[in-house]
Amino acid sequence: MPESHPASPDVPEIEPSEAAQLVGAGAVILDVRETDEFSQGRAKDAFHIPFSSLDDRLAEVPVDRPVIVVCRSGGRSYWAAKSLATRGYVSMNLAGGMHAWHDEGLPVVRDDGSPGVVA
């Protein structure tokens, strides 16, 4: 899947600070990067389903809360959010991905809670 994407009204893009506020209000963060990327650093409360596995693991995505989808830079997450939206989920793409999350000063952690990196 290409890293770039067209503008689409059915897939809202939100900034990291807004995403953090929404998570605080009950939204979930779905990280669709590959396992090696996710294990090096993720948003604190993110759960992980690689983009390539999303269709097979759709039942794991909560339907009762907004879903903020993230990848490294916003390309894969756009396509994942679009796919979720076509299935009736309230989904949005994190603009700029984990790079923007990190640049905003929001925490990037490993599974053990130690500081992580965006890979």
C-alpha atoms as a PDB file:
ATOM      1  CA  MET A   1       0.000   0.000   0.000  1.00  0.00           C
ATOM      2  CA  PRO A   2       1.396   3.431  -0.840  1.00  0.00           C
ATOM      3  CA  GLU A   3       2.411   5.753   1.976  1.00  0.00           C
ATOM      4  CA  SER A   4       0.541   8.688   0.416  1.00  0.00           C
ATOM      5  CA  HIS A   5      -3.206   9.001   0.163  1.00  0.00           C
ATOM      6  CA  PRO A   6      -5.833  11.234  -1.406  1.00  0.00           C
ATOM      7  CA  ALA A   7      -7.930  13.592   0.645  1.00  0.00           C
ATOM      8  CA  SER A   8     -11.132  11.839   1.645  1.00  0.00           C
ATOM      9  CA  PRO A   9     -14.089  13.241   3.588  1.00  0.00           C
ATOM     10  CA  ASP A  10     -14.984   9.770   4.908  1.00  0.00           C
ATOM     11  CA  VAL A  11     -11.644   9.435   6.735  1.00  0.00           C
ATOM     12  CA  PRO A  12     -11.056  12.378   9.053  1.00  0.00           C
ATOM     13  CA  GLU A  13      -7.464  13.155   9.930  1.00  0.00           C
ATOM     14  CA  ILE A  14      -6.690  14.331  13.417  1.00  0.00           C
ATOM     15  CA  GLU A  15      -3.595  15.821  14.974  1.00  0.00           C
ATOM     16  CA  PRO A  16      -1.717  13.983  17.757  1.00  0.00           C
ATOM     17  CA  SER A  17      -2.853  16.352  20.517  1.00  0.00           C
ATOM     18  CA  GLU A  18      -6.497  15.845  19.539  1.00  0.00           C
ATOM     19  CA  ALA A  19      -5.935  12.078  19.355  1.00  0.00           C
ATOM     20  CA  ALA A  20      -4.512  12.070  22.885  1.00  0.00           C
ATOM     21  CA  GLN A  21      -7.577  13.964  24.121  1.00  0.00           C
ATOM     22  CA  LEU A  22      -9.919  11.500  22.399  1.00  0.00           C
ATOM     23  CA  VAL A  23      -8.074   8.553  23.951  1.00  0.00           C
ATOM     24  CA  GLY A  24      -8.555  10.197  27.328  1.00  0.00           C
ATOM     25  CA  ALA A  25     -12.284  10.342  26.545  1.00  0.00           C
ATOM     26  CA  GLY A  26     -12.481   6.651  25.592  1.00  0.00           C
ATOM     27  CA  ALA A  27     -11.297   6.340  21.986  1.00  0.00           C
ATOM     28  CA  VAL A  28      -8.816   3.596  21.119  1.00  0.00           C
ATOM     29  CA  ILE A  29      -5.575   3.750  19.162  1.00  0.00           C
ATOM     30  CA  LEU A  30      -5.065   0.977  16.631  1.00  0.00           C
ATOM     31  CA  ASP A  31      -1.450   0.676  15.436  1.00  0.00           C
ATOM     32  CA  VAL A  32      -1.276  -1.033  12.034  1.00  0.00           C
ATOM     33  CA  ARG A  33       2.511  -1.095  11.654  1.00  0.00           C
ATOM     34  CA  GLU A  34       4.439  -4.346  11.362  1.00  0.00           C
ATOM     35  CA  THR A  35       5.322  -6.184  14.576  1.00  0.00           C
ATOM     36  CA  ASP A  36       8.987  -5.122  14.528  1.00  0.00           C
ATOM     37  CA  GLU A  37       7.998  -1.448  14.195  1.00  0.00           C
ATOM     38  CA  PHE A  38       5.398  -1.713  16.977  1.00  0.00           C
ATOM     39  CA  SER A  39       7.786  -3.461  19.373  1.00  0.00           C
ATOM     40  CA  GLN A  40      10.385  -0.692  19.061  1.00  0.00           C
ATOM     41  CA  GLY A  41       7.964   2.006  20.189  1.00  0.00           C
ATOM     42  CA  ARG A  42       4.260   2.726  20.283  1.00  0.00           C
ATOM     43  CA  ALA A  43       1.736   5.117  21.750  1.00  0.00           C
ATOM     44  CA  LYS A  44       1.190   4.154  25.391  1.00  0.00           C
ATOM     45  CA  ASP A  45      -2.373   2.860  25.051  1.00  0.00           C
ATOM     46  CA  ALA A  46      -2.203   1.510  21.486  1.00  0.00           C
ATOM     47  CA  PHE A  47      -3.216  -1.986  20.543  1.00  0.00           C
ATOM     48  CA  HIS A  48      -1.683  -3.730  17.577  1.00  0.00           C
ATOM     49  CA  ILE A  49      -3.047  -5.379  14.468  1.00  0.00           C
ATOM     50  CA  PRO A  50      -0.699  -5.260  11.454  1.00  0.00           C
ATOM     51  CA  PHE A  51      -2.336  -3.771   8.360  1.00  0.00           C
ATOM     52  CA  SER A  52      -1.906  -7.065   6.510  1.00  0.00           C
ATOM     53  CA  SER A  53      -3.924  -8.882   9.215  1.00  0.00           C
ATOM     54  CA  LEU A  54      -6.708  -6.348   9.724  1.00  0.00           C
ATOM     55  CA  ASP A  55      -9.362  -8.142   7.668  1.00  0.00           C
ATOM     56  CA  ASP A  56      -8.728 -11.422   9.496  1.00  0.00           C
ATOM     57  CA  ARG A  57      -8.725  -9.792  12.941  1.00  0.00           C
ATOM     58  CA  LEU A  58     -11.539  -7.294  12.492  1.00  0.00           C
ATOM     59  CA  ALA A  59     -13.459  -8.782  15.429  1.00  0.00           C
ATOM     60  CA  GLU A  60     -10.733  -7.448  17.758  1.00  0.00           C
ATOM     61  CA  VAL A  61     -11.468  -3.832  16.825  1.00  0.00           C
ATOM     62  CA  PRO A  62     -13.979  -2.256  19.238  1.00  0.00           C
ATOM     63  CA  VAL A  63     -17.188  -1.155  17.536  1.00  0.00           C
ATOM     64  CA  ASP A  64     -18.486   0.871  20.476  1.00  0.00           C
ATOM     65  CA  ARG A  65     -15.739   3.528  20.543  1.00  0.00           C
ATOM     66  CA  PRO A  66     -13.975   5.765  18.016  1.00  0.00           C
ATOM     67  CA  VAL A  67     -10.864   4.162  16.512  1.00  0.00           C
ATOM     68  CA  ILE A  68      -7.777   6.285  15.841  1.00  0.00           C
ATOM     69  CA  VAL A  69      -5.595   4.436  13.374  1.00  0.00           C
ATOM     70  CA  VAL A  70      -1.841   5.053  13.295  1.00  0.00           C
ATOM     71  CA  CYS A  71       1.206   3.846  11.380  1.00  0.00           C
ATOM     72  CA  ARG A  72       4.668   5.343  10.919  1.00  0.00           C
ATOM     73  CA  SER A  73       3.721   8.322   8.737  1.00  0.00           C
ATOM     74  CA  GLY A  74      -0.005   8.136   7.991  1.00  0.00           C
ATOM     75  CA  GLY A  75      -0.245   6.126   4.760  1.00  0.00           C
ATOM     76  CA  ARG A  76      -1.121   2.627   5.894  1.00  0.00           C
ATOM     77  CA  SER A  77      -3.299   4.004   8.659  1.00  0.00           C
ATOM     78  CA  TYR A  78      -5.302   6.036   6.145  1.00  0.00           C
ATOM     79  CA  TRP A  79      -6.153   2.911   4.178  1.00  0.00           C
ATOM     80  CA  ALA A  80      -6.946   0.968   7.357  1.00  0.00           C
ATOM     81  CA  ALA A  81      -9.192   3.786   8.656  1.00  0.00           C
ATOM     82  CA  LYS A  82     -10.936   3.952   5.282  1.00  0.00           C
ATOM     83  CA  SER A  83     -11.515   0.192   5.363  1.00  0.00           C
ATOM     84  CA  LEU A  84     -12.951   0.438   8.884  1.00  0.00           C
ATOM     85  CA  ALA A  85     -15.182   3.368   7.888  1.00  0.00           C
ATOM     86  CA  THR A  86     -16.686   1.376   5.019  1.00  0.00           C
ATOM     87  CA  ARG A  87     -17.621  -1.277   7.592  1.00  0.00           C
ATOM     88  CA  GLY A  88     -19.430   1.180   9.838  1.00  0.00           C
ATOM     89  CA  TYR A  89     -16.675   1.982  12.351  1.00  0.00           C
ATOM     90  CA  VAL A  90     -16.107   5.525  13.546  1.00  0.00           C
ATOM     91  CA  SER A  91     -12.478   5.725  12.465  1.00  0.00           C
ATOM     92  CA  MET A  92      -9.942   8.440  11.861  1.00  0.00           C
ATOM     93  CA  ASN A  93      -6.365   8.647  10.683  1.00  0.00           C
ATOM     94  CA  LEU A  94      -3.616  10.097  12.864  1.00  0.00           C
ATOM     95  CA  ALA A  95      -2.095  12.780  10.635  1.00  0.00           C
ATOM     96  CA  GLY A  96       1.651  12.261  10.287  1.00  0.00           C
ATOM     97  CA  GLY A  97       1.558   8.938  12.115  1.00  0.00           C
ATOM     98  CA  MET A  98       3.925   8.015  14.923  1.00  0.00           C
ATOM     99  CA  HIS A  99       6.465  10.532  13.665  1.00  0.00           C
ATOM    100  CA  ALA A 100       3.978  13.337  14.378  1.00  0.00           C
ATOM    101  CA  TRP A 101       3.009  11.736  17.721  1.00  0.00           C
ATOM    102  CA  HIS A 102       6.667  11.737  18.776  1.00  0.00           C
ATOM    103  CA  ASP A 103       7.310  15.232  17.406  1.00  0.00           C
ATOM    104  CA  GLU A 104       4.363  16.497  19.480  1.00  0.00           C
ATOM    105  CA  GLY A 105       6.177  15.246  22.595  1.00  0.00           C
ATOM    106  CA  LEU A 106       3.669  12.487  23.310  1.00  0.00           C
ATOM    107  CA  PRO A 107       5.083   9.321  24.893  1.00  0.00           C
ATOM    108  CA  VAL A 108       6.498   6.521  22.770  1.00  0.00           C
ATOM    109  CA  VAL A 109       7.049   3.373  24.817  1.00  0.00           C
ATOM    110  CA  ARG A 110       8.045  -0.266  24.500  1.00  0.00           C
ATOM    111  CA  ASP A 111       5.955  -3.085  25.962  1.00  0.00           C
ATOM    112  CA  ASP A 112       7.924  -2.931  29.217  1.00  0.00           C
ATOM    113  CA  GLY A 113       7.151   0.770  29.603  1.00  0.00           C
ATOM    114  CA  SER A 114      10.672   1.951  28.792  1.00  0.00           C
ATOM    115  CA  PRO A 115      11.139   4.760  26.245  1.00  0.00           C
ATOM    116  CA  GLY A 116      10.760   3.600  22.672  1.00  0.00           C
ATOM    117  CA  VAL A 117      11.648   4.885  19.232  1.00  0.00           C
ATOM    118  CA  VAL A 118       9.591   5.342  16.084  1.00  0.00           C
ATOM    119  CA  ALA A 119      10.687   2.737  13.561  1.00  0.00           C
END
